Amino acid sequence: MVLVLGSLAGCGSGDGKASDDGGGTTTAAAAPTNGPGDYRPPTDLCPKVDFGPLTAAVAPADGQPKGQRTGSDPATGSGAACLQGFRSAGTKADGRSVLYCTAWKDVATAIKHYKYALSSAPEEAGGPVVQVPGLGGGAFRYENVKEATAFASDLRLVVRDSNLECEVQVQSLTPLPEQQVTAAWPAMAETVRSLVPELRS
């Protein structure tokens, strides 16, 4: 299998999923608010992302991060993505971490997308969809199996704060040991936690 690190196409987009050590799926307690929100669309994500927690938890970085803009309808929502390859074994990249952030046109739209992502996550998950308290206005995490055809492990964390939605993905061609999966979840949360203040308008 070939892992293409130079392209972000087909990697998905932030839809808002959160994680915690708790049990199954629960409903987000978000409600629409007035105004467009606290965030403008990010255009260059990589300089603002600290992949240190993820490379420490999962595997060493391989090369420099690569970024691109995202969003097919800028009137509704647009943003940016940043991909960092990693190397857990051998001399070639065998995994990656991708971070997507989208600023929706207003908070109500962001909540709508987040709720949809949360409700559809159980159909993609290989285990429980877990809420993550204390991270933005709502967050959840799960291990994706539906879309992970190229990857043996595909961890996803979705976070919504005001009109911003960010998703962190950790994907590996070889199965991640349970110890790395356990370490990856808080590292993914820390990556978003440190990034979000940098994106505030």
N, C-alpha and C. Protein backbone atom coordinates (compact mmCIF):
# COMPACT_ATOMS: atom_id res chain seq x y z
N MET A 1 0.83 -1.20 0.00
CA MET A 1 0.00 0.00 0.00
C MET A 1 0.87 1.25 0.00
N VAL A 2 0.45 2.26 -0.73
CA VAL A 2 1.19 3.50 -0.80
C VAL A 2 0.45 4.57 -0.03
N LEU A 3 1.14 5.23 0.83
CA LEU A 3 0.56 6.32 1.61
C LEU A 3 1.00 7.64 1.00
N VAL A 4 0.05 8.39 0.45
CA VAL A 4 0.38 9.66 -0.18
C VAL A 4 0.30 10.75 0.87
N LEU A 5 1.43 11.33 1.21
CA LEU A 5 1.45 12.38 2.23
C LEU A 5 1.39 13.77 1.62
N GLY A 6 1.60 13.88 0.32
CA GLY A 6 1.62 15.19 -0.31
C GLY A 6 0.25 15.72 -0.63
N SER A 7 -0.77 14.88 -0.53
CA SER A 7 -2.11 15.31 -0.89
C SER A 7 -3.05 15.16 0.29
N LEU A 8 -3.93 16.14 0.46
CA LEU A 8 -4.92 16.06 1.53
C LEU A 8 -6.28 15.66 0.98
N ALA A 9 -6.37 15.43 -0.32
CA ALA A 9 -7.66 15.11 -0.91
C ALA A 9 -8.21 13.83 -0.33
N GLY A 10 -9.50 13.85 -0.07
CA GLY A 10 -10.18 12.66 0.40
C GLY A 10 -9.96 12.35 1.86
N CYS A 11 -9.40 13.29 2.61
CA CYS A 11 -9.12 13.03 4.02
C CYS A 11 -10.28 13.40 4.92
N GLY A 12 -11.33 13.96 4.37
CA GLY A 12 -12.48 14.32 5.20
C GLY A 12 -12.36 15.75 5.68
N SER A 13 -13.30 16.17 6.47
CA SER A 13 -13.27 17.52 7.00
C SER A 13 -13.82 17.52 8.40
N GLY A 14 -13.53 18.59 9.14
CA GLY A 14 -13.98 18.65 10.52
C GLY A 14 -15.48 18.65 10.61
N ASP A 15 -16.04 17.73 11.37
CA ASP A 15 -17.47 17.68 11.56
C ASP A 15 -17.84 17.73 13.02
N GLY A 16 -16.88 17.69 13.92
CA GLY A 16 -17.16 17.83 15.32
C GLY A 16 -17.42 16.54 16.02
N LYS A 17 -16.40 15.91 16.58
CA LYS A 17 -16.57 14.72 17.38
C LYS A 17 -15.71 14.86 18.61
N ALA A 18 -16.18 14.48 19.76
CA ALA A 18 -15.40 14.68 20.95
C ALA A 18 -15.16 13.41 21.70
N SER A 19 -14.16 13.39 22.61
CA SER A 19 -13.81 12.16 23.27
C SER A 19 -13.59 12.32 24.75
N ASP A 20 -13.78 11.22 25.46
CA ASP A 20 -13.53 11.19 26.89
C ASP A 20 -13.34 9.74 27.27
N ASP A 21 -13.11 9.49 28.54
CA ASP A 21 -12.93 8.13 28.97
C ASP A 21 -14.26 7.46 29.25
N GLY A 22 -15.35 8.15 28.94
CA GLY A 22 -16.67 7.64 29.26
C GLY A 22 -17.15 6.58 28.32
N GLY A 23 -18.45 6.32 28.36
CA GLY A 23 -19.01 5.21 27.62
C GLY A 23 -19.47 5.57 26.24
N GLY A 24 -20.75 5.34 25.95
CA GLY A 24 -21.26 5.44 24.60
C GLY A 24 -21.62 6.84 24.19
N THR A 25 -22.31 6.91 23.06
CA THR A 25 -22.68 8.18 22.47
C THR A 25 -23.73 8.90 23.31
N THR A 26 -23.58 10.22 23.41
CA THR A 26 -24.57 11.04 24.07
C THR A 26 -24.87 12.23 23.18
N THR A 27 -25.94 12.92 23.47
CA THR A 27 -26.34 14.05 22.63
C THR A 27 -25.66 15.33 23.09
N ALA A 28 -25.19 16.12 22.13
CA ALA A 28 -24.55 17.38 22.45
C ALA A 28 -25.59 18.35 23.01
N ALA A 29 -25.21 19.08 24.04
CA ALA A 29 -26.13 20.02 24.67
C ALA A 29 -25.86 21.44 24.18
N ALA A 30 -25.72 21.58 22.86
CA ALA A 30 -25.44 22.89 22.29
C ALA A 30 -26.74 23.51 21.78
N ALA A 31 -26.81 24.83 21.82
CA ALA A 31 -27.98 25.53 21.31
C ALA A 31 -27.50 26.72 20.48
N PRO A 32 -28.26 27.08 19.42
CA PRO A 32 -27.85 28.21 18.58
C PRO A 32 -27.72 29.49 19.38
N THR A 33 -26.80 30.33 18.99
CA THR A 33 -26.64 31.64 19.60
C THR A 33 -26.64 32.69 18.50
N ASN A 34 -26.77 33.93 18.89
CA ASN A 34 -26.80 35.01 17.92
C ASN A 34 -25.39 35.33 17.44
N GLY A 35 -25.31 35.90 16.25
CA GLY A 35 -24.03 36.38 15.75
C GLY A 35 -23.27 35.34 14.94
N PRO A 36 -22.29 35.79 14.18
CA PRO A 36 -21.54 34.89 13.30
C PRO A 36 -20.56 33.98 14.04
N GLY A 37 -20.10 34.39 15.22
CA GLY A 37 -19.16 33.55 15.95
C GLY A 37 -17.84 34.25 16.19
N ASP A 38 -16.95 33.55 16.88
CA ASP A 38 -15.69 34.13 17.33
C ASP A 38 -14.52 33.91 16.37
N TYR A 39 -14.75 33.19 15.26
CA TYR A 39 -13.63 32.80 14.41
C TYR A 39 -13.85 33.18 12.96
N ARG A 40 -12.78 33.64 12.33
CA ARG A 40 -12.75 33.85 10.89
C ARG A 40 -12.06 32.63 10.27
N PRO A 41 -12.30 32.34 8.98
CA PRO A 41 -11.70 31.16 8.37
C PRO A 41 -10.18 31.19 8.40
N PRO A 42 -9.55 30.14 8.96
CA PRO A 42 -8.08 30.09 8.92
C PRO A 42 -7.61 29.80 7.50
N THR A 43 -6.50 30.41 7.11
CA THR A 43 -5.99 30.22 5.75
C THR A 43 -4.66 29.47 5.71
N ASP A 44 -3.92 29.48 6.81
CA ASP A 44 -2.62 28.81 6.85
C ASP A 44 -2.47 28.17 8.23
N LEU A 45 -2.85 26.91 8.34
CA LEU A 45 -2.95 26.25 9.63
C LEU A 45 -1.61 25.77 10.18
N CYS A 46 -0.75 25.27 9.31
CA CYS A 46 0.47 24.59 9.77
C CYS A 46 1.35 25.40 10.73
N PRO A 47 1.57 26.70 10.47
CA PRO A 47 2.42 27.45 11.40
C PRO A 47 1.84 27.56 12.82
N LYS A 48 0.53 27.31 12.95
CA LYS A 48 -0.13 27.45 14.25
C LYS A 48 -0.28 26.11 14.99
N VAL A 49 -0.03 24.99 14.30
CA VAL A 49 -0.25 23.66 14.90
C VAL A 49 1.04 23.15 15.54
N ASP A 50 0.92 22.70 16.78
CA ASP A 50 2.03 22.04 17.47
C ASP A 50 1.77 20.54 17.45
N PHE A 51 2.49 19.82 16.59
CA PHE A 51 2.34 18.37 16.50
C PHE A 51 3.16 17.63 17.55
N GLY A 52 3.86 18.37 18.41
CA GLY A 52 4.71 17.76 19.42
C GLY A 52 4.03 16.70 20.28
N PRO A 53 2.84 17.00 20.85
CA PRO A 53 2.17 15.99 21.67
C PRO A 53 1.85 14.71 20.89
N LEU A 54 1.47 14.86 19.62
CA LEU A 54 1.13 13.69 18.82
C LEU A 54 2.34 12.87 18.44
N THR A 55 3.42 13.53 18.04
CA THR A 55 4.61 12.76 17.68
C THR A 55 5.22 12.09 18.90
N ALA A 56 5.07 12.71 20.07
CA ALA A 56 5.56 12.08 21.29
C ALA A 56 4.71 10.87 21.66
N ALA A 57 3.41 10.94 21.41
CA ALA A 57 2.52 9.85 21.80
C ALA A 57 2.46 8.72 20.78
N VAL A 58 2.60 9.06 19.49
CA VAL A 58 2.37 8.06 18.45
C VAL A 58 3.66 7.62 17.77
N ALA A 59 4.38 8.55 17.15
CA ALA A 59 5.59 8.20 16.40
C ALA A 59 6.32 9.49 16.02
N PRO A 60 7.62 9.39 15.71
CA PRO A 60 8.37 10.57 15.28
C PRO A 60 7.84 11.14 13.97
N ALA A 61 7.98 12.45 13.81
CA ALA A 61 7.55 13.11 12.58
C ALA A 61 8.43 12.69 11.42
N ASP A 62 7.83 12.68 10.23
CA ASP A 62 8.56 12.38 9.01
C ASP A 62 8.39 13.56 8.06
N GLY A 63 9.43 14.37 7.91
CA GLY A 63 9.35 15.53 7.02
C GLY A 63 8.61 16.70 7.64
N GLN A 64 8.38 17.71 6.81
CA GLN A 64 7.71 18.93 7.25
C GLN A 64 6.20 18.81 7.03
N PRO A 65 5.39 19.49 7.84
CA PRO A 65 3.94 19.46 7.62
C PRO A 65 3.57 20.14 6.32
N LYS A 66 2.47 19.70 5.74
CA LYS A 66 1.97 20.25 4.48
C LYS A 66 0.55 20.75 4.69
N GLY A 67 0.26 21.94 4.16
CA GLY A 67 -1.05 22.53 4.37
C GLY A 67 -1.76 22.87 3.09
N GLN A 68 -3.06 23.07 3.20
CA GLN A 68 -3.86 23.57 2.08
C GLN A 68 -5.14 24.18 2.61
N ARG A 69 -5.77 25.00 1.79
CA ARG A 69 -7.06 25.57 2.16
C ARG A 69 -8.16 24.56 1.85
N THR A 70 -9.28 24.68 2.57
CA THR A 70 -10.39 23.77 2.38
C THR A 70 -11.69 24.55 2.31
N GLY A 71 -12.75 23.88 1.87
CA GLY A 71 -14.08 24.51 1.82
C GLY A 71 -14.52 24.79 0.41
N SER A 72 -15.51 24.05 -0.06
CA SER A 72 -15.99 24.23 -1.43
C SER A 72 -16.99 25.38 -1.55
N ASP A 73 -17.55 25.81 -0.42
CA ASP A 73 -18.52 26.91 -0.44
C ASP A 73 -18.14 27.95 0.62
N PRO A 74 -17.22 28.86 0.28
CA PRO A 74 -16.74 29.83 1.27
C PRO A 74 -17.83 30.69 1.88
N ALA A 75 -18.99 30.82 1.21
CA ALA A 75 -20.08 31.61 1.78
C ALA A 75 -20.68 30.91 3.00
N THR A 76 -20.53 29.59 3.05
CA THR A 76 -21.07 28.83 4.18
C THR A 76 -20.01 28.50 5.21
N GLY A 77 -18.85 28.07 4.74
CA GLY A 77 -17.76 27.73 5.64
C GLY A 77 -16.50 27.41 4.86
N SER A 78 -15.37 27.81 5.40
CA SER A 78 -14.09 27.47 4.77
C SER A 78 -13.01 27.48 5.83
N GLY A 79 -11.87 26.92 5.48
CA GLY A 79 -10.80 26.83 6.45
C GLY A 79 -9.52 26.31 5.85
N ALA A 80 -8.84 25.48 6.62
CA ALA A 80 -7.54 24.99 6.19
C ALA A 80 -7.27 23.63 6.81
N ALA A 81 -6.31 22.93 6.24
CA ALA A 81 -5.90 21.62 6.75
C ALA A 81 -4.38 21.59 6.84
N CYS A 82 -3.88 20.75 7.73
CA CYS A 82 -2.44 20.58 7.86
C CYS A 82 -2.16 19.10 8.12
N LEU A 83 -1.24 18.53 7.37
CA LEU A 83 -0.89 17.12 7.46
C LEU A 83 0.56 16.97 7.87
N GLN A 84 0.79 16.12 8.87
CA GLN A 84 2.14 15.79 9.31
C GLN A 84 2.33 14.27 9.22
N GLY A 85 3.28 13.84 8.38
CA GLY A 85 3.58 12.42 8.29
C GLY A 85 4.36 11.97 9.51
N PHE A 86 4.25 10.67 9.85
CA PHE A 86 5.07 10.12 10.91
C PHE A 86 5.58 8.75 10.53
N ARG A 87 6.60 8.32 11.22
CA ARG A 87 7.28 7.07 10.90
C ARG A 87 7.41 6.24 12.18
N SER A 88 6.62 5.18 12.27
CA SER A 88 6.65 4.37 13.48
C SER A 88 7.60 3.18 13.36
N ALA A 89 7.93 2.80 12.12
CA ALA A 89 8.86 1.68 11.92
C ALA A 89 9.55 1.85 10.57
N GLY A 90 10.80 1.42 10.48
CA GLY A 90 11.52 1.50 9.22
C GLY A 90 11.93 2.91 8.85
N THR A 91 12.17 3.10 7.56
CA THR A 91 12.69 4.38 7.08
C THR A 91 11.68 5.18 6.27
N LYS A 92 10.50 4.63 6.04
CA LYS A 92 9.48 5.32 5.25
C LYS A 92 8.30 5.72 6.13
N ALA A 93 7.63 6.80 5.73
CA ALA A 93 6.44 7.24 6.45
C ALA A 93 5.37 6.17 6.37
N ASP A 94 4.81 5.80 7.50
CA ASP A 94 3.76 4.78 7.51
C ASP A 94 2.50 5.26 8.23
N GLY A 95 2.42 6.56 8.47
CA GLY A 95 1.24 7.13 9.09
C GLY A 95 1.23 8.63 8.97
N ARG A 96 0.19 9.23 9.51
CA ARG A 96 0.06 10.68 9.42
C ARG A 96 -0.93 11.18 10.46
N SER A 97 -0.81 12.44 10.77
CA SER A 97 -1.81 13.15 11.54
C SER A 97 -2.30 14.31 10.68
N VAL A 98 -3.60 14.44 10.56
CA VAL A 98 -4.19 15.52 9.76
C VAL A 98 -5.12 16.33 10.65
N LEU A 99 -5.03 17.63 10.54
CA LEU A 99 -5.89 18.51 11.31
C LEU A 99 -6.64 19.43 10.36
N TYR A 100 -7.96 19.44 10.49
CA TYR A 100 -8.83 20.29 9.68
C TYR A 100 -9.54 21.28 10.60
N CYS A 101 -9.61 22.54 10.18
CA CYS A 101 -10.41 23.52 10.93
C CYS A 101 -11.25 24.32 9.93
N THR A 102 -12.54 24.41 10.22
CA THR A 102 -13.47 25.15 9.37
C THR A 102 -14.20 26.18 10.21
N ALA A 103 -14.24 27.41 9.73
CA ALA A 103 -15.07 28.44 10.36
C ALA A 103 -16.36 28.53 9.56
N TRP A 104 -17.47 28.14 10.20
CA TRP A 104 -18.77 28.22 9.54
C TRP A 104 -19.29 29.65 9.60
N LYS A 105 -20.29 29.96 8.77
CA LYS A 105 -20.76 31.35 8.65
C LYS A 105 -21.36 31.89 9.94
N ASP A 106 -21.89 31.00 10.79
CA ASP A 106 -22.41 31.42 12.08
C ASP A 106 -22.42 30.23 13.04
N VAL A 107 -22.75 30.50 14.27
CA VAL A 107 -22.72 29.46 15.31
C VAL A 107 -23.78 28.39 15.05
N ALA A 108 -24.97 28.82 14.62
CA ALA A 108 -26.04 27.86 14.37
C ALA A 108 -25.65 26.84 13.30
N THR A 109 -24.96 27.30 12.26
CA THR A 109 -24.50 26.39 11.21
C THR A 109 -23.46 25.42 11.74
N ALA A 110 -22.56 25.93 12.57
CA ALA A 110 -21.54 25.06 13.16
C ALA A 110 -22.17 23.98 14.03
N ILE A 111 -23.17 24.36 14.83
CA ILE A 111 -23.86 23.41 15.69
C ILE A 111 -24.58 22.35 14.85
N LYS A 112 -25.20 22.78 13.77
CA LYS A 112 -25.90 21.85 12.89
C LYS A 112 -24.94 20.80 12.33
N HIS A 113 -23.78 21.25 11.86
CA HIS A 113 -22.78 20.32 11.31
C HIS A 113 -22.23 19.40 12.41
N TYR A 114 -22.01 19.95 13.57
CA TYR A 114 -21.49 19.16 14.69
C TYR A 114 -22.49 18.07 15.08
N LYS A 115 -23.76 18.43 15.20
CA LYS A 115 -24.78 17.46 15.58
C LYS A 115 -24.91 16.36 14.53
N TYR A 116 -24.82 16.74 13.27
CA TYR A 116 -24.88 15.73 12.21
C TYR A 116 -23.70 14.77 12.31
N ALA A 117 -22.51 15.32 12.51
CA ALA A 117 -21.33 14.48 12.62
C ALA A 117 -21.43 13.54 13.82
N LEU A 118 -21.93 14.06 14.93
CA LEU A 118 -22.07 13.25 16.13
C LEU A 118 -23.09 12.13 15.92
N SER A 119 -24.19 12.44 15.25
CA SER A 119 -25.23 11.42 15.04
C SER A 119 -24.81 10.36 14.03
N SER A 120 -23.93 10.73 13.08
CA SER A 120 -23.50 9.77 12.06
C SER A 120 -22.24 9.00 12.46
N ALA A 121 -21.54 9.46 13.48
CA ALA A 121 -20.30 8.80 13.89
C ALA A 121 -20.48 7.33 14.26
N PRO A 122 -21.57 6.93 14.94
CA PRO A 122 -21.71 5.51 15.28
C PRO A 122 -21.71 4.59 14.06
N GLU A 123 -22.13 5.11 12.90
CA GLU A 123 -22.13 4.30 11.69
C GLU A 123 -20.72 4.09 11.15
N GLU A 124 -19.78 4.95 11.54
CA GLU A 124 -18.40 4.84 11.07
C GLU A 124 -17.49 4.20 12.10
N ALA A 125 -17.95 4.14 13.34
CA ALA A 125 -17.07 3.77 14.45
C ALA A 125 -16.95 2.25 14.61
N GLY A 126 -15.75 1.82 15.03
CA GLY A 126 -15.51 0.43 15.35
C GLY A 126 -15.69 0.17 16.83
N GLY A 127 -16.10 1.16 17.57
CA GLY A 127 -16.29 1.05 19.01
C GLY A 127 -17.17 2.19 19.47
N PRO A 128 -17.11 2.56 20.74
CA PRO A 128 -17.97 3.63 21.24
C PRO A 128 -17.57 5.01 20.70
N VAL A 129 -18.56 5.87 20.57
CA VAL A 129 -18.32 7.29 20.29
C VAL A 129 -18.36 7.96 21.66
N VAL A 130 -17.24 8.60 22.02
CA VAL A 130 -17.06 9.06 23.40
C VAL A 130 -17.03 10.58 23.46
N GLN A 131 -17.82 11.16 24.35
CA GLN A 131 -17.83 12.61 24.54
C GLN A 131 -16.57 13.03 25.30
N VAL A 132 -16.06 14.21 24.97
CA VAL A 132 -14.89 14.76 25.66
C VAL A 132 -15.31 16.07 26.33
N PRO A 133 -15.48 16.08 27.64
CA PRO A 133 -15.89 17.32 28.32
C PRO A 133 -14.73 18.30 28.44
N GLY A 134 -15.09 19.58 28.54
CA GLY A 134 -14.08 20.61 28.78
C GLY A 134 -13.23 20.98 27.58
N LEU A 135 -13.69 20.61 26.39
CA LEU A 135 -12.93 20.93 25.18
C LEU A 135 -13.86 21.66 24.22
N GLY A 136 -13.75 22.99 24.18
CA GLY A 136 -14.61 23.79 23.32
C GLY A 136 -16.05 23.73 23.76
N GLY A 137 -16.96 23.97 22.81
CA GLY A 137 -18.39 23.92 23.10
C GLY A 137 -18.95 22.52 23.00
N GLY A 138 -18.15 21.59 22.53
CA GLY A 138 -18.56 20.20 22.40
C GLY A 138 -17.46 19.43 21.69
N ALA A 139 -17.25 18.17 22.09
CA ALA A 139 -16.22 17.37 21.46
C ALA A 139 -16.53 15.89 21.63
N PHE A 140 -16.09 15.08 20.66
CA PHE A 140 -16.23 13.63 20.77
C PHE A 140 -15.12 12.95 19.96
N ARG A 141 -14.90 11.68 20.27
CA ARG A 141 -13.86 10.92 19.58
C ARG A 141 -14.34 9.50 19.32
N TYR A 142 -13.73 8.89 18.30
CA TYR A 142 -14.04 7.50 17.97
C TYR A 142 -12.96 6.95 17.04
N GLU A 143 -12.94 5.64 16.92
CA GLU A 143 -12.04 5.01 15.96
C GLU A 143 -12.84 4.68 14.72
N ASN A 144 -12.46 5.27 13.60
CA ASN A 144 -13.19 5.10 12.34
C ASN A 144 -12.80 3.79 11.68
N VAL A 145 -13.80 3.04 11.21
CA VAL A 145 -13.53 1.82 10.45
C VAL A 145 -14.20 1.85 9.08
N LYS A 146 -15.22 2.68 8.93
CA LYS A 146 -15.97 2.72 7.67
C LYS A 146 -15.15 3.29 6.53
N GLU A 147 -14.42 4.40 6.79
CA GLU A 147 -13.69 5.07 5.72
C GLU A 147 -12.20 4.78 5.75
N ALA A 148 -11.77 3.91 6.64
CA ALA A 148 -10.34 3.70 6.85
C ALA A 148 -9.78 2.58 5.98
N THR A 149 -10.18 2.53 4.71
CA THR A 149 -9.77 1.42 3.86
C THR A 149 -8.26 1.33 3.70
N ALA A 150 -7.57 2.45 3.67
CA ALA A 150 -6.11 2.42 3.47
C ALA A 150 -5.36 2.30 4.78
N PHE A 151 -6.06 2.43 5.90
CA PHE A 151 -5.38 2.48 7.20
C PHE A 151 -5.86 1.37 8.12
N ALA A 152 -4.92 0.81 8.86
CA ALA A 152 -5.26 -0.19 9.86
C ALA A 152 -5.78 0.47 11.13
N SER A 153 -5.34 1.69 11.40
CA SER A 153 -5.83 2.47 12.54
C SER A 153 -6.20 3.86 12.05
N ASP A 154 -7.35 4.36 12.50
CA ASP A 154 -7.83 5.68 12.08
C ASP A 154 -8.59 6.30 13.25
N LEU A 155 -7.92 7.12 14.04
CA LEU A 155 -8.50 7.76 15.22
C LEU A 155 -8.98 9.16 14.85
N ARG A 156 -10.15 9.56 15.36
CA ARG A 156 -10.70 10.87 15.02
C ARG A 156 -11.26 11.58 16.26
N LEU A 157 -10.95 12.84 16.33
CA LEU A 157 -11.46 13.70 17.40
C LEU A 157 -12.04 14.95 16.77
N VAL A 158 -13.30 15.26 17.09
CA VAL A 158 -13.98 16.43 16.53
C VAL A 158 -14.34 17.39 17.66
N VAL A 159 -14.05 18.67 17.43
CA VAL A 159 -14.28 19.70 18.45
C VAL A 159 -15.00 20.88 17.81
N ARG A 160 -16.03 21.40 18.50
CA ARG A 160 -16.68 22.64 18.06
C ARG A 160 -16.54 23.69 19.15
N ASP A 161 -16.18 24.89 18.74
CA ASP A 161 -16.15 26.03 19.65
C ASP A 161 -16.70 27.23 18.90
N SER A 162 -17.80 27.80 19.38
CA SER A 162 -18.48 28.88 18.69
C SER A 162 -18.78 28.43 17.25
N ASN A 163 -18.31 29.17 16.24
CA ASN A 163 -18.57 28.78 14.85
C ASN A 163 -17.42 27.99 14.24
N LEU A 164 -16.44 27.60 15.06
CA LEU A 164 -15.28 26.86 14.56
C LEU A 164 -15.45 25.36 14.82
N GLU A 165 -15.08 24.56 13.83
CA GLU A 165 -15.06 23.12 13.98
C GLU A 165 -13.70 22.59 13.54
N CYS A 166 -13.06 21.83 14.41
CA CYS A 166 -11.76 21.23 14.09
C CYS A 166 -11.83 19.73 14.26
N GLU A 167 -11.17 19.01 13.38
CA GLU A 167 -11.07 17.56 13.48
C GLU A 167 -9.61 17.16 13.39
N VAL A 168 -9.19 16.31 14.31
CA VAL A 168 -7.84 15.73 14.28
C VAL A 168 -7.97 14.27 13.92
N GLN A 169 -7.17 13.83 12.97
CA GLN A 169 -7.13 12.42 12.58
C GLN A 169 -5.71 11.90 12.78
N VAL A 170 -5.61 10.70 13.33
CA VAL A 170 -4.34 9.99 13.43
C VAL A 170 -4.53 8.67 12.70
N GLN A 171 -3.77 8.46 11.63
CA GLN A 171 -3.97 7.30 10.76
C GLN A 171 -2.66 6.58 10.54
N SER A 172 -2.72 5.25 10.57
CA SER A 172 -1.52 4.44 10.43
C SER A 172 -1.78 3.24 9.52
N LEU A 173 -0.80 2.91 8.68
CA LEU A 173 -0.93 1.76 7.81
C LEU A 173 -0.86 0.45 8.59
N THR A 174 -0.18 0.46 9.72
CA THR A 174 -0.10 -0.72 10.58
C THR A 174 -0.92 -0.46 11.83
N PRO A 175 -1.50 -1.49 12.42
CA PRO A 175 -2.33 -1.27 13.62
C PRO A 175 -1.52 -0.63 14.74
N LEU A 176 -2.07 0.41 15.34
CA LEU A 176 -1.41 1.03 16.47
C LEU A 176 -1.62 0.17 17.71
N PRO A 177 -0.57 -0.12 18.47
CA PRO A 177 -0.74 -0.86 19.71
C PRO A 177 -1.67 -0.11 20.66
N GLU A 178 -2.33 -0.84 21.53
CA GLU A 178 -3.29 -0.24 22.46
C GLU A 178 -2.65 0.87 23.29
N GLN A 179 -1.39 0.70 23.64
CA GLN A 179 -0.70 1.72 24.43
C GLN A 179 -0.61 3.04 23.66
N GLN A 180 -0.35 2.96 22.35
CA GLN A 180 -0.27 4.18 21.54
C GLN A 180 -1.64 4.81 21.35
N VAL A 181 -2.65 3.98 21.17
CA VAL A 181 -4.01 4.50 21.02
C VAL A 181 -4.41 5.25 22.30
N THR A 182 -4.14 4.64 23.43
CA THR A 182 -4.46 5.27 24.72
C THR A 182 -3.75 6.60 24.87
N ALA A 183 -2.49 6.66 24.44
CA ALA A 183 -1.71 7.90 24.54
C ALA A 183 -2.13 8.92 23.49
N ALA A 184 -2.63 8.45 22.35
CA ALA A 184 -2.99 9.36 21.26
C ALA A 184 -4.18 10.24 21.60
N TRP A 185 -5.19 9.69 22.30
CA TRP A 185 -6.40 10.48 22.57
C TRP A 185 -6.11 11.78 23.31
N PRO A 186 -5.42 11.77 24.46
CA PRO A 186 -5.14 13.05 25.13
C PRO A 186 -4.21 13.94 24.32
N ALA A 187 -3.32 13.33 23.53
CA ALA A 187 -2.42 14.14 22.68
C ALA A 187 -3.22 14.87 21.60
N MET A 188 -4.21 14.21 21.05
CA MET A 188 -5.08 14.84 20.05
C MET A 188 -5.84 16.00 20.68
N ALA A 189 -6.36 15.78 21.89
CA ALA A 189 -7.09 16.84 22.59
C ALA A 189 -6.18 18.03 22.88
N GLU A 190 -4.95 17.76 23.30
CA GLU A 190 -4.01 18.84 23.61
C GLU A 190 -3.64 19.63 22.36
N THR A 191 -3.54 18.94 21.23
CA THR A 191 -3.23 19.61 19.96
C THR A 191 -4.31 20.63 19.62
N VAL A 192 -5.57 20.24 19.76
CA VAL A 192 -6.67 21.17 19.48
C VAL A 192 -6.74 22.27 20.54
N ARG A 193 -6.56 21.88 21.80
CA ARG A 193 -6.66 22.85 22.90
C ARG A 193 -5.65 23.99 22.73
N SER A 194 -4.45 23.67 22.27
CA SER A 194 -3.43 24.71 22.09
C SER A 194 -3.63 25.51 20.80
N LEU A 195 -4.31 24.90 19.82
CA LEU A 195 -4.51 25.57 18.53
C LEU A 195 -5.65 26.57 18.56
N VAL A 196 -6.77 26.21 19.17
CA VAL A 196 -7.99 27.03 19.08
C VAL A 196 -7.77 28.49 19.47
N PRO A 197 -7.08 28.80 20.58
CA PRO A 197 -6.86 30.22 20.89
C PRO A 197 -6.11 30.98 19.81
N GLU A 198 -5.27 30.26 19.05
CA GLU A 198 -4.51 30.92 17.98
C GLU A 198 -5.40 31.31 16.79
N LEU A 199 -6.60 30.73 16.72
CA LEU A 199 -7.48 30.98 15.58
C LEU A 199 -8.57 31.99 15.89
N ARG A 200 -8.66 32.43 17.13
CA ARG A 200 -9.71 33.40 17.48
C ARG A 200 -9.51 34.71 16.75
N SER A 201 -10.62 35.32 16.36
CA SER A 201 -10.56 36.60 15.63
C SER A 201 -10.10 37.71 16.56
